Amino acid sequence: MSKMCCLIKENIKIKQLYRREFSDTFRVTINRFYNNMTGLDIIALSKYLRVPDDISMSDYVKANYGTRAVSLLKLLLTPLVRATHNNKGIK
């Protein structure tokens, strides 16, 4: 099975696992920011949340949505980070 196929399957699984928590936390459907091939579009979410340019996304989310929301975003980004590192030979 190709790496891309595995990444897509993992993205679908991650999205299904955390869709309700995402919706409850950010009051918007995850489908608006999540693509099965590319995962979470953190830039689009940042724009939606209106994160100011002078603060990190992590700090903004923590201050406005709590520590669990930051952890949730990290979980949603995990498949993309793992795929990027694996493509560079990092495991």
C-alpha atoms as a PDB file:
ATOM      1  CA  MET A   1       0.000   0.000   0.000  1.00  0.00           C
ATOM      2  CA  SER A   2       1.373   3.426  -0.901  1.00  0.00           C
ATOM      3  CA  LYS A   3       2.387   5.995   1.715  1.00  0.00           C
ATOM      4  CA  MET A   4      -0.213   8.409   0.300  1.00  0.00           C
ATOM      5  CA  CYS A   5      -2.987   5.845   0.704  1.00  0.00           C
ATOM      6  CA  CYS A   6      -1.951   5.214   4.302  1.00  0.00           C
ATOM      7  CA  LEU A   7      -1.838   8.946   5.028  1.00  0.00           C
ATOM      8  CA  ILE A   8      -5.338   9.434   3.607  1.00  0.00           C
ATOM      9  CA  LYS A   9      -6.687   6.548   5.683  1.00  0.00           C
ATOM     10  CA  GLU A  10      -5.036   7.949   8.789  1.00  0.00           C
ATOM     11  CA  ASN A  11      -6.422  11.429   8.065  1.00  0.00           C
ATOM     12  CA  ILE A  12      -9.939  10.013   7.696  1.00  0.00           C
ATOM     13  CA  LYS A  13      -9.584   8.114  10.967  1.00  0.00           C
ATOM     14  CA  ILE A  14      -8.264  11.185  12.807  1.00  0.00           C
ATOM     15  CA  LYS A  15     -11.058  13.379  11.425  1.00  0.00           C
ATOM     16  CA  GLN A  16     -13.718  10.885  12.508  1.00  0.00           C
ATOM     17  CA  LEU A  17     -12.247  10.519  15.981  1.00  0.00           C
ATOM     18  CA  TYR A  18     -12.084  14.237  16.726  1.00  0.00           C
ATOM     19  CA  ARG A  19     -14.887  15.790  14.653  1.00  0.00           C
ATOM     20  CA  ARG A  20     -17.296  16.214  17.570  1.00  0.00           C
ATOM     21  CA  GLU A  21     -14.661  17.623  19.917  1.00  0.00           C
ATOM     22  CA  PHE A  22     -13.514  20.039  17.213  1.00  0.00           C
ATOM     23  CA  SER A  23     -17.083  21.195  16.604  1.00  0.00           C
ATOM     24  CA  ASP A  24     -17.791  21.568  20.323  1.00  0.00           C
ATOM     25  CA  THR A  25     -14.561  23.487  20.866  1.00  0.00           C
ATOM     26  CA  PHE A  26     -14.498  25.833  17.878  1.00  0.00           C
ATOM     27  CA  ARG A  27     -18.238  25.926  17.089  1.00  0.00           C
ATOM     28  CA  VAL A  28     -17.675  25.034  13.446  1.00  0.00           C
ATOM     29  CA  THR A  29     -17.560  21.772  11.530  1.00  0.00           C
ATOM     30  CA  ILE A  30     -14.146  20.220  11.006  1.00  0.00           C
ATOM     31  CA  ASN A  31     -15.035  19.600   7.345  1.00  0.00           C
ATOM     32  CA  ARG A  32     -14.541  23.292   6.670  1.00  0.00           C
ATOM     33  CA  PHE A  33     -10.820  22.999   7.491  1.00  0.00           C
ATOM     34  CA  TYR A  34      -9.943  19.345   6.933  1.00  0.00           C
ATOM     35  CA  ASN A  35      -9.059  17.599   3.705  1.00  0.00           C
ATOM     36  CA  ASN A  36      -8.594  13.828   3.687  1.00  0.00           C
ATOM     37  CA  MET A  37      -5.459  14.156   1.582  1.00  0.00           C
ATOM     38  CA  THR A  38      -3.767  17.138   3.222  1.00  0.00           C
ATOM     39  CA  GLY A  39      -5.271  17.081   6.719  1.00  0.00           C
ATOM     40  CA  LEU A  40      -6.008  20.176   8.778  1.00  0.00           C
ATOM     41  CA  ASP A  41      -5.667  23.521   7.022  1.00  0.00           C
ATOM     42  CA  ILE A  42      -4.202  25.429   9.949  1.00  0.00           C
ATOM     43  CA  ILE A  43      -3.926  28.657   7.919  1.00  0.00           C
ATOM     44  CA  ALA A  44      -7.643  28.656   7.081  1.00  0.00           C
ATOM     45  CA  LEU A  45      -8.501  27.892  10.707  1.00  0.00           C
ATOM     46  CA  SER A  46      -6.235  30.705  11.878  1.00  0.00           C
ATOM     47  CA  LYS A  47      -8.029  33.132   9.557  1.00  0.00           C
ATOM     48  CA  TYR A  48     -11.433  31.869  10.678  1.00  0.00           C
ATOM     49  CA  LEU A  49     -10.486  32.338  14.337  1.00  0.00           C
ATOM     50  CA  ARG A  50      -9.009  35.771  13.483  1.00  0.00           C
ATOM     51  CA  VAL A  51      -5.692  35.070  15.156  1.00  0.00           C
ATOM     52  CA  PRO A  52      -3.768  38.377  15.314  1.00  0.00           C
ATOM     53  CA  ASP A  53      -0.466  38.517  13.428  1.00  0.00           C
ATOM     54  CA  ASP A  54       1.486  39.356  16.580  1.00  0.00           C
ATOM     55  CA  ILE A  55       0.574  36.198  18.515  1.00  0.00           C
ATOM     56  CA  SER A  56       1.169  32.525  17.830  1.00  0.00           C
ATOM     57  CA  MET A  57      -1.759  30.315  16.932  1.00  0.00           C
ATOM     58  CA  SER A  58      -0.958  28.117  19.915  1.00  0.00           C
ATOM     59  CA  ASP A  59      -0.963  31.032  22.377  1.00  0.00           C
ATOM     60  CA  TYR A  60      -4.174  32.452  20.915  1.00  0.00           C
ATOM     61  CA  VAL A  61      -6.010  29.122  21.028  1.00  0.00           C
ATOM     62  CA  LYS A  62      -4.804  28.446  24.564  1.00  0.00           C
ATOM     63  CA  ALA A  63      -5.970  31.864  25.782  1.00  0.00           C
ATOM     64  CA  ASN A  64      -9.362  31.680  24.050  1.00  0.00           C
ATOM     65  CA  TYR A  65     -10.218  27.967  23.968  1.00  0.00           C
ATOM     66  CA  GLY A  66      -7.991  26.319  26.560  1.00  0.00           C
ATOM     67  CA  THR A  67      -5.122  23.868  26.767  1.00  0.00           C
ATOM     68  CA  ARG A  68      -7.195  20.951  25.487  1.00  0.00           C
ATOM     69  CA  ALA A  69      -7.923  22.879  22.272  1.00  0.00           C
ATOM     70  CA  VAL A  70      -4.177  23.261  21.656  1.00  0.00           C
ATOM     71  CA  SER A  71      -3.717  19.526  22.220  1.00  0.00           C
ATOM     72  CA  LEU A  72      -6.589  18.816  19.838  1.00  0.00           C
ATOM     73  CA  LEU A  73      -4.952  20.833  17.067  1.00  0.00           C
ATOM     74  CA  LYS A  74      -1.671  18.996  17.634  1.00  0.00           C
ATOM     75  CA  LEU A  75      -3.476  15.670  17.350  1.00  0.00           C
ATOM     76  CA  LEU A  76      -5.098  16.779  14.103  1.00  0.00           C
ATOM     77  CA  LEU A  77      -1.723  17.833  12.683  1.00  0.00           C
ATOM     78  CA  THR A  78       0.087  14.622  13.675  1.00  0.00           C
ATOM     79  CA  PRO A  79      -0.466  12.631  10.432  1.00  0.00           C
ATOM     80  CA  LEU A  80       0.923  15.468   8.290  1.00  0.00           C
ATOM     81  CA  VAL A  81       3.961  15.943  10.519  1.00  0.00           C
ATOM     82  CA  ARG A  82       4.674  12.213  10.571  1.00  0.00           C
ATOM     83  CA  ALA A  83       4.382  11.949   6.773  1.00  0.00           C
ATOM     84  CA  THR A  84       6.687  14.938   6.250  1.00  0.00           C
ATOM     85  CA  HIS A  85       9.313  13.488   8.588  1.00  0.00           C
ATOM     86  CA  ASN A  86       9.047   9.997   7.098  1.00  0.00           C
ATOM     87  CA  ASN A  87       9.590  11.404   3.603  1.00  0.00           C
ATOM     88  CA  LYS A  88      12.844  12.926   4.866  1.00  0.00           C
ATOM     89  CA  GLY A  89      13.950   9.648   6.395  1.00  0.00           C
ATOM     90  CA  ILE A  90      13.150  10.688   9.962  1.00  0.00           C
ATOM     91  CA  LYS A  91      11.192   8.158  11.999  1.00  0.00           C
END
